[in-house]
Amino acid sequence: LDLDRDHRLWRAFSALSERCQVLLQLVVVVAPPYAEVAETLGIPVGSIGPTRARCLDRLRRLLAADGVT
C-alpha cells in the first residue's frame, strides 16, 4: 500500500508545473530561509507563502482526483 501511495504522490507531483516542483522541493525538503528561496527563484519573499499554498492546493486536488485522501 505504501508503494502505491508513493507512486501516486510522485505522479501527482510530476504533474505540477516546474515552478511548483522547484518551490516545494526547496521549501519543504531543503528548507532554507525564505530570502534564499526568493533569490533562487527570482520572486519576492512575500510571494513564497501564497505560491507555496497554491502549489500544495494543486497537489492535494491532483491526489484527490487519483483517489488519495
Protein backbone atom coordinates (compact mmCIF):
# COMPACT_ATOMS: atom_id res chain seq x y z
CA LEU A 1 0.00 0.00 0.00
CA ASP A 2 2.82 2.41 0.80
CA LEU A 3 4.38 1.79 -2.61
CA ASP A 4 1.08 2.54 -4.35
CA ARG A 5 0.61 5.73 -2.33
CA ASP A 6 4.17 6.84 -3.07
CA HIS A 7 3.70 6.15 -6.77
CA ARG A 8 0.51 8.23 -6.83
CA LEU A 9 2.19 11.04 -4.91
CA TRP A 10 5.13 11.25 -7.33
CA ARG A 11 2.80 11.04 -10.33
CA ALA A 12 0.79 13.98 -8.97
CA PHE A 13 3.96 15.88 -8.08
CA SER A 14 5.24 15.35 -11.63
CA ALA A 15 2.01 16.87 -12.98
CA LEU A 16 2.73 20.15 -11.17
CA SER A 17 4.39 22.98 -13.03
CA GLU A 18 8.17 23.07 -12.89
CA ARG A 19 7.95 26.22 -10.79
CA CYS A 20 5.78 24.45 -8.19
CA GLN A 21 8.04 21.41 -8.17
CA VAL A 22 11.15 23.52 -7.55
CA LEU A 23 9.45 25.70 -4.95
CA LEU A 24 8.10 22.73 -2.98
CA GLN A 25 11.43 20.91 -3.14
CA LEU A 26 13.19 23.98 -1.80
CA VAL A 27 10.69 24.99 0.87
CA VAL A 28 9.66 21.54 2.10
CA VAL A 29 12.75 19.38 1.58
CA VAL A 30 15.75 21.74 1.75
CA ALA A 31 14.05 24.41 3.92
CA PRO A 32 16.47 27.32 3.50
CA PRO A 33 15.48 30.81 4.69
CA TYR A 34 12.81 32.40 2.50
CA ALA A 35 15.34 35.05 1.40
CA GLU A 36 17.40 32.29 -0.25
CA VAL A 37 14.32 30.77 -1.87
CA ALA A 38 13.30 34.19 -3.20
CA GLU A 39 16.76 34.77 -4.63
CA THR A 40 16.95 31.30 -6.19
CA LEU A 41 13.52 31.57 -7.82
CA GLY A 42 13.68 35.29 -8.58
CA ILE A 43 10.45 36.10 -6.76
CA PRO A 44 9.65 38.43 -3.84
CA VAL A 45 9.86 36.93 -0.35
CA GLY A 46 6.22 37.86 0.21
CA SER A 47 5.16 35.69 -2.75
CA ILE A 48 6.67 32.47 -1.42
CA GLY A 49 3.98 31.59 1.13
CA PRO A 50 0.99 32.24 -1.15
CA THR A 51 2.66 30.47 -4.07
CA ARG A 52 3.52 27.51 -1.84
CA ALA A 53 -0.10 27.36 -0.67
CA ARG A 54 -1.38 27.35 -4.28
CA CYS A 55 1.09 24.63 -5.24
CA LEU A 56 0.10 22.46 -2.27
CA ASP A 57 -3.57 23.01 -3.05
CA ARG A 58 -2.98 21.90 -6.64
CA LEU A 59 -1.10 18.82 -5.38
CA ARG A 60 -3.97 17.99 -3.00
CA ARG A 61 -6.51 18.28 -5.83
CA LEU A 62 -4.42 16.05 -8.11
CA LEU A 63 -4.11 13.45 -5.35
CA ALA A 64 -7.83 13.61 -4.57
CA ALA A 65 -8.64 13.09 -8.24
CA ASP A 66 -6.45 9.99 -8.12
CA GLY A 67 -8.28 8.66 -5.04
CA VAL A 68 -5.64 9.54 -2.46
CA THR A 69 -7.06 11.11 0.68
